[in-house]
Amino acid sequence: MLLDRQMNELEQDKYLQKMGPDELEQDETEDKPQNYLIAEKQFAIDVSKKRLEEEEEAYERQCIQVREKTLTSLRSHLPELFRALSEFVRSCSKMYRSLQSLSRPQN
């Protein structure tokens, strides 16, 4: 994920700062001090964490809304569903009894 990658980059930069930059890294960072780069990456991580927290909160709110709508729908439509199932079961029972009565005389 983006956040994991950014945290890894920050850890690498902190490690490199402790160990001292290589010649290649010095060429890249002559315009920007190493501390500035670390602060910049830390800021990017903080922004990503904040956005992740906001998205998690939004997800939780949406889950609650979906759960509430589902419960409302079930409460209003379950009686209708059970009536339809009862009618279906009665029809199946009638059909089964008819089949039984047709099969008995043949035996």
N, C-alpha and C. Protein backbone atom coordinates (compact mmCIF):
# COMPACT_ATOMS: atom_id res chain seq x y z
N MET A 1 0.83 -1.18 0.00
CA MET A 1 0.00 0.00 0.00
C MET A 1 0.88 1.24 0.00
N LEU A 2 0.28 2.35 -0.33
CA LEU A 2 0.98 3.62 -0.39
C LEU A 2 1.55 3.99 0.96
N LEU A 3 0.77 3.83 2.01
CA LEU A 3 1.22 4.19 3.34
C LEU A 3 2.41 3.34 3.76
N ASP A 4 2.37 2.05 3.50
CA ASP A 4 3.49 1.17 3.83
C ASP A 4 4.75 1.57 3.07
N ARG A 5 4.58 1.88 1.79
CA ARG A 5 5.73 2.27 0.98
C ARG A 5 6.34 3.57 1.50
N GLN A 6 5.47 4.52 1.84
CA GLN A 6 5.97 5.80 2.35
C GLN A 6 6.69 5.61 3.68
N MET A 7 6.16 4.75 4.53
CA MET A 7 6.82 4.51 5.82
C MET A 7 8.17 3.83 5.61
N ASN A 8 8.24 2.91 4.66
CA ASN A 8 9.52 2.26 4.36
C ASN A 8 10.54 3.28 3.85
N GLU A 9 10.10 4.17 2.97
CA GLU A 9 11.00 5.20 2.46
C GLU A 9 11.50 6.11 3.58
N LEU A 10 10.60 6.45 4.50
CA LEU A 10 10.99 7.29 5.63
C LEU A 10 12.03 6.58 6.49
N GLU A 11 11.82 5.32 6.77
CA GLU A 11 12.77 4.55 7.57
C GLU A 11 14.13 4.47 6.86
N GLN A 12 14.10 4.27 5.54
CA GLN A 12 15.35 4.23 4.79
C GLN A 12 16.08 5.57 4.86
N ASP A 13 15.34 6.65 4.74
CA ASP A 13 15.95 7.97 4.81
C ASP A 13 16.54 8.24 6.18
N LYS A 14 15.83 7.82 7.23
CA LYS A 14 16.36 8.00 8.58
C LYS A 14 17.64 7.20 8.77
N TYR A 15 17.64 5.97 8.24
CA TYR A 15 18.82 5.12 8.33
C TYR A 15 19.99 5.74 7.57
N LEU A 16 19.72 6.23 6.37
CA LEU A 16 20.78 6.85 5.57
C LEU A 16 21.31 8.11 6.24
N GLN A 17 20.44 8.84 6.91
CA GLN A 17 20.88 10.06 7.59
C GLN A 17 21.84 9.69 8.73
N LYS A 18 21.56 8.62 9.43
CA LYS A 18 22.44 8.19 10.52
C LYS A 18 23.77 7.69 9.97
N MET A 19 23.72 6.95 8.85
CA MET A 19 24.92 6.34 8.28
C MET A 19 25.73 7.32 7.44
N GLY A 20 25.13 8.39 6.99
CA GLY A 20 25.80 9.33 6.12
C GLY A 20 25.48 9.05 4.68
N PRO A 21 25.16 10.06 3.90
CA PRO A 21 24.77 9.84 2.51
C PRO A 21 25.94 9.42 1.63
N ASP A 22 25.66 8.60 0.62
CA ASP A 22 26.67 8.22 -0.37
C ASP A 22 26.92 9.39 -1.30
N GLU A 23 27.93 9.25 -2.15
CA GLU A 23 28.23 10.32 -3.10
C GLU A 23 27.08 10.53 -4.07
N LEU A 24 26.45 9.44 -4.50
CA LEU A 24 25.32 9.58 -5.43
C LEU A 24 24.17 10.31 -4.77
N GLU A 25 23.91 10.00 -3.54
CA GLU A 25 22.81 10.66 -2.85
C GLU A 25 23.13 12.12 -2.59
N GLN A 26 24.41 12.45 -2.39
CA GLN A 26 24.78 13.84 -2.18
C GLN A 26 24.48 14.66 -3.42
N ASP A 27 24.72 14.09 -4.60
CA ASP A 27 24.43 14.81 -5.84
C ASP A 27 22.94 15.10 -5.95
N GLU A 28 22.12 14.12 -5.55
CA GLU A 28 20.68 14.30 -5.65
C GLU A 28 20.15 15.30 -4.63
N THR A 29 20.78 15.38 -3.49
CA THR A 29 20.23 16.17 -2.39
C THR A 29 21.02 17.44 -2.09
N GLU A 30 21.85 17.88 -3.00
CA GLU A 30 22.62 19.09 -2.74
C GLU A 30 21.71 20.29 -2.53
N ASP A 31 20.60 20.35 -3.27
CA ASP A 31 19.69 21.48 -3.14
C ASP A 31 18.83 21.38 -1.90
N LYS A 32 18.54 20.17 -1.44
CA LYS A 32 17.67 19.98 -0.29
C LYS A 32 18.44 19.27 0.82
N PRO A 33 18.43 19.82 2.01
CA PRO A 33 19.08 19.11 3.12
C PRO A 33 18.33 17.82 3.44
N GLN A 34 19.05 16.87 3.99
CA GLN A 34 18.47 15.56 4.30
C GLN A 34 17.30 15.70 5.27
N ASN A 35 17.41 16.58 6.24
CA ASN A 35 16.32 16.76 7.21
C ASN A 35 15.05 17.25 6.53
N TYR A 36 15.20 18.09 5.53
CA TYR A 36 14.03 18.59 4.80
C TYR A 36 13.33 17.44 4.08
N LEU A 37 14.11 16.56 3.47
CA LEU A 37 13.53 15.41 2.77
C LEU A 37 12.78 14.51 3.74
N ILE A 38 13.37 14.28 4.89
CA ILE A 38 12.71 13.44 5.88
C ILE A 38 11.43 14.09 6.36
N ALA A 39 11.48 15.38 6.64
CA ALA A 39 10.28 16.10 7.09
C ALA A 39 9.20 16.06 6.01
N GLU A 40 9.61 16.20 4.77
CA GLU A 40 8.66 16.15 3.66
C GLU A 40 7.98 14.78 3.57
N LYS A 41 8.76 13.73 3.71
CA LYS A 41 8.20 12.39 3.66
C LYS A 41 7.33 12.10 4.88
N GLN A 42 7.75 12.61 6.04
CA GLN A 42 6.95 12.44 7.25
C GLN A 42 5.59 13.13 7.09
N PHE A 43 5.61 14.31 6.47
CA PHE A 43 4.36 15.03 6.22
C PHE A 43 3.46 14.22 5.29
N ALA A 44 4.05 13.65 4.24
CA ALA A 44 3.26 12.84 3.30
C ALA A 44 2.65 11.63 4.01
N ILE A 45 3.40 11.03 4.91
CA ILE A 45 2.88 9.89 5.67
C ILE A 45 1.75 10.33 6.58
N ASP A 46 1.94 11.47 7.25
CA ASP A 46 0.89 11.98 8.13
C ASP A 46 -0.40 12.28 7.36
N VAL A 47 -0.25 12.87 6.19
CA VAL A 47 -1.42 13.15 5.35
C VAL A 47 -2.10 11.85 4.94
N SER A 48 -1.31 10.85 4.57
CA SER A 48 -1.88 9.56 4.17
C SER A 48 -2.59 8.88 5.34
N LYS A 49 -2.00 8.97 6.53
CA LYS A 49 -2.64 8.39 7.71
C LYS A 49 -3.96 9.08 8.00
N LYS A 50 -3.96 10.40 7.91
CA LYS A 50 -5.18 11.18 8.17
C LYS A 50 -6.27 10.78 7.17
N ARG A 51 -5.90 10.69 5.89
CA ARG A 51 -6.86 10.31 4.86
C ARG A 51 -7.39 8.89 5.10
N LEU A 52 -6.50 7.98 5.51
CA LEU A 52 -6.91 6.62 5.81
C LEU A 52 -7.91 6.60 6.96
N GLU A 53 -7.65 7.37 8.01
CA GLU A 53 -8.57 7.44 9.15
C GLU A 53 -9.93 7.98 8.70
N GLU A 54 -9.92 9.02 7.88
CA GLU A 54 -11.18 9.60 7.39
C GLU A 54 -11.95 8.59 6.54
N GLU A 55 -11.24 7.85 5.70
CA GLU A 55 -11.89 6.85 4.85
C GLU A 55 -12.45 5.70 5.69
N GLU A 56 -11.72 5.31 6.75
CA GLU A 56 -12.22 4.26 7.63
C GLU A 56 -13.48 4.72 8.36
N GLU A 57 -13.50 5.97 8.81
CA GLU A 57 -14.68 6.51 9.48
C GLU A 57 -15.87 6.57 8.51
N ALA A 58 -15.61 7.00 7.29
CA ALA A 58 -16.68 7.05 6.28
C ALA A 58 -17.20 5.64 6.00
N TYR A 59 -16.30 4.68 5.92
CA TYR A 59 -16.70 3.29 5.70
C TYR A 59 -17.58 2.79 6.84
N GLU A 60 -17.19 3.08 8.07
CA GLU A 60 -17.99 2.67 9.23
C GLU A 60 -19.38 3.29 9.19
N ARG A 61 -19.45 4.57 8.84
CA ARG A 61 -20.76 5.24 8.74
C ARG A 61 -21.62 4.58 7.66
N GLN A 62 -21.01 4.25 6.53
CA GLN A 62 -21.75 3.60 5.45
C GLN A 62 -22.22 2.21 5.87
N CYS A 63 -21.40 1.49 6.61
CA CYS A 63 -21.81 0.16 7.10
C CYS A 63 -23.02 0.28 8.01
N ILE A 64 -23.01 1.28 8.88
CA ILE A 64 -24.14 1.48 9.79
C ILE A 64 -25.40 1.82 8.99
N GLN A 65 -25.26 2.70 8.00
CA GLN A 65 -26.42 3.06 7.17
C GLN A 65 -26.97 1.85 6.43
N VAL A 66 -26.10 1.05 5.85
CA VAL A 66 -26.54 -0.14 5.12
C VAL A 66 -27.24 -1.11 6.07
N ARG A 67 -26.66 -1.30 7.25
CA ARG A 67 -27.26 -2.19 8.24
C ARG A 67 -28.66 -1.71 8.63
N GLU A 68 -28.80 -0.40 8.88
CA GLU A 68 -30.10 0.15 9.26
C GLU A 68 -31.12 0.01 8.13
N LYS A 69 -30.70 0.29 6.90
CA LYS A 69 -31.63 0.15 5.77
C LYS A 69 -32.03 -1.30 5.56
N THR A 70 -31.08 -2.21 5.73
CA THR A 70 -31.38 -3.63 5.57
C THR A 70 -32.38 -4.09 6.62
N LEU A 71 -32.15 -3.68 7.87
CA LEU A 71 -33.07 -4.07 8.94
C LEU A 71 -34.47 -3.51 8.69
N THR A 72 -34.54 -2.27 8.26
CA THR A 72 -35.83 -1.66 7.96
C THR A 72 -36.53 -2.42 6.84
N SER A 73 -35.80 -2.74 5.81
CA SER A 73 -36.36 -3.48 4.68
C SER A 73 -36.83 -4.86 5.12
N LEU A 74 -36.01 -5.54 5.92
CA LEU A 74 -36.40 -6.87 6.39
C LEU A 74 -37.65 -6.80 7.26
N ARG A 75 -37.70 -5.82 8.14
CA ARG A 75 -38.86 -5.68 9.02
C ARG A 75 -40.14 -5.46 8.22
N SER A 76 -40.04 -4.68 7.17
CA SER A 76 -41.25 -4.37 6.40
C SER A 76 -41.62 -5.47 5.42
N HIS A 77 -40.65 -6.23 4.93
CA HIS A 77 -40.93 -7.23 3.89
C HIS A 77 -40.93 -8.67 4.37
N LEU A 78 -40.47 -8.94 5.58
CA LEU A 78 -40.46 -10.32 6.05
C LEU A 78 -41.87 -10.91 6.17
N PRO A 79 -42.84 -10.19 6.73
CA PRO A 79 -44.19 -10.79 6.79
C PRO A 79 -44.71 -11.19 5.41
N GLU A 80 -44.48 -10.35 4.43
CA GLU A 80 -44.91 -10.65 3.06
C GLU A 80 -44.19 -11.89 2.54
N LEU A 81 -42.91 -11.99 2.82
CA LEU A 81 -42.12 -13.14 2.39
C LEU A 81 -42.64 -14.43 3.04
N PHE A 82 -42.92 -14.36 4.34
CA PHE A 82 -43.42 -15.56 5.02
C PHE A 82 -44.80 -15.96 4.52
N ARG A 83 -45.64 -14.99 4.20
CA ARG A 83 -46.95 -15.33 3.62
C ARG A 83 -46.77 -16.06 2.29
N ALA A 84 -45.88 -15.54 1.45
CA ALA A 84 -45.64 -16.18 0.15
C ALA A 84 -45.07 -17.58 0.34
N LEU A 85 -44.14 -17.74 1.29
CA LEU A 85 -43.58 -19.07 1.56
C LEU A 85 -44.66 -20.02 2.07
N SER A 86 -45.52 -19.53 2.94
CA SER A 86 -46.61 -20.37 3.46
C SER A 86 -47.51 -20.84 2.34
N GLU A 87 -47.86 -19.95 1.43
CA GLU A 87 -48.69 -20.33 0.29
C GLU A 87 -47.99 -21.36 -0.58
N PHE A 88 -46.70 -21.17 -0.80
CA PHE A 88 -45.93 -22.11 -1.60
C PHE A 88 -45.90 -23.48 -0.93
N VAL A 89 -45.69 -23.50 0.39
CA VAL A 89 -45.65 -24.77 1.11
C VAL A 89 -47.01 -25.46 1.05
N ARG A 90 -48.09 -24.70 1.20
CA ARG A 90 -49.43 -25.28 1.10
C ARG A 90 -49.65 -25.89 -0.29
N SER A 91 -49.23 -25.18 -1.31
CA SER A 91 -49.38 -25.69 -2.68
C SER A 91 -48.57 -26.96 -2.88
N CYS A 92 -47.36 -26.96 -2.37
CA CYS A 92 -46.51 -28.16 -2.48
C CYS A 92 -47.15 -29.33 -1.73
N SER A 93 -47.69 -29.05 -0.56
CA SER A 93 -48.33 -30.09 0.23
C SER A 93 -49.54 -30.67 -0.50
N LYS A 94 -50.36 -29.80 -1.09
CA LYS A 94 -51.52 -30.25 -1.87
C LYS A 94 -51.07 -31.13 -3.03
N MET A 95 -50.04 -30.68 -3.73
CA MET A 95 -49.54 -31.43 -4.87
C MET A 95 -49.02 -32.80 -4.42
N TYR A 96 -48.32 -32.83 -3.32
CA TYR A 96 -47.77 -34.09 -2.82
C TYR A 96 -48.91 -35.04 -2.44
N ARG A 97 -49.94 -34.51 -1.75
CA ARG A 97 -51.09 -35.35 -1.39
C ARG A 97 -51.79 -35.88 -2.64
N SER A 98 -51.91 -35.03 -3.65
CA SER A 98 -52.53 -35.48 -4.91
C SER A 98 -51.72 -36.59 -5.55
N LEU A 99 -50.42 -36.44 -5.54
CA LEU A 99 -49.55 -37.48 -6.11
C LEU A 99 -49.65 -38.76 -5.31
N GLN A 100 -49.74 -38.63 -4.00
CA GLN A 100 -49.87 -39.83 -3.16
C GLN A 100 -51.18 -40.55 -3.46
N SER A 101 -52.25 -39.77 -3.58
CA SER A 101 -53.55 -40.40 -3.85
C SER A 101 -53.58 -41.06 -5.23
N LEU A 102 -52.88 -40.48 -6.18
CA LEU A 102 -52.82 -41.08 -7.52
C LEU A 102 -51.97 -42.35 -7.53
N SER A 103 -50.95 -42.38 -6.72
CA SER A 103 -50.05 -43.53 -6.74
C SER A 103 -50.58 -44.70 -5.91
N ARG A 104 -51.44 -44.49 -4.94
CA ARG A 104 -51.95 -45.57 -4.09
C ARG A 104 -52.83 -46.56 -4.85
N PRO A 105 -53.79 -46.12 -5.65
CA PRO A 105 -54.63 -47.11 -6.34
C PRO A 105 -53.83 -47.98 -7.32
N GLN A 106 -52.73 -47.47 -7.82
CA GLN A 106 -51.95 -48.25 -8.79
C GLN A 106 -51.22 -49.39 -8.12
N ASN A 107 -50.93 -49.29 -6.85
CA ASN A 107 -50.19 -50.35 -6.14
C ASN A 107 -51.03 -51.52 -5.90
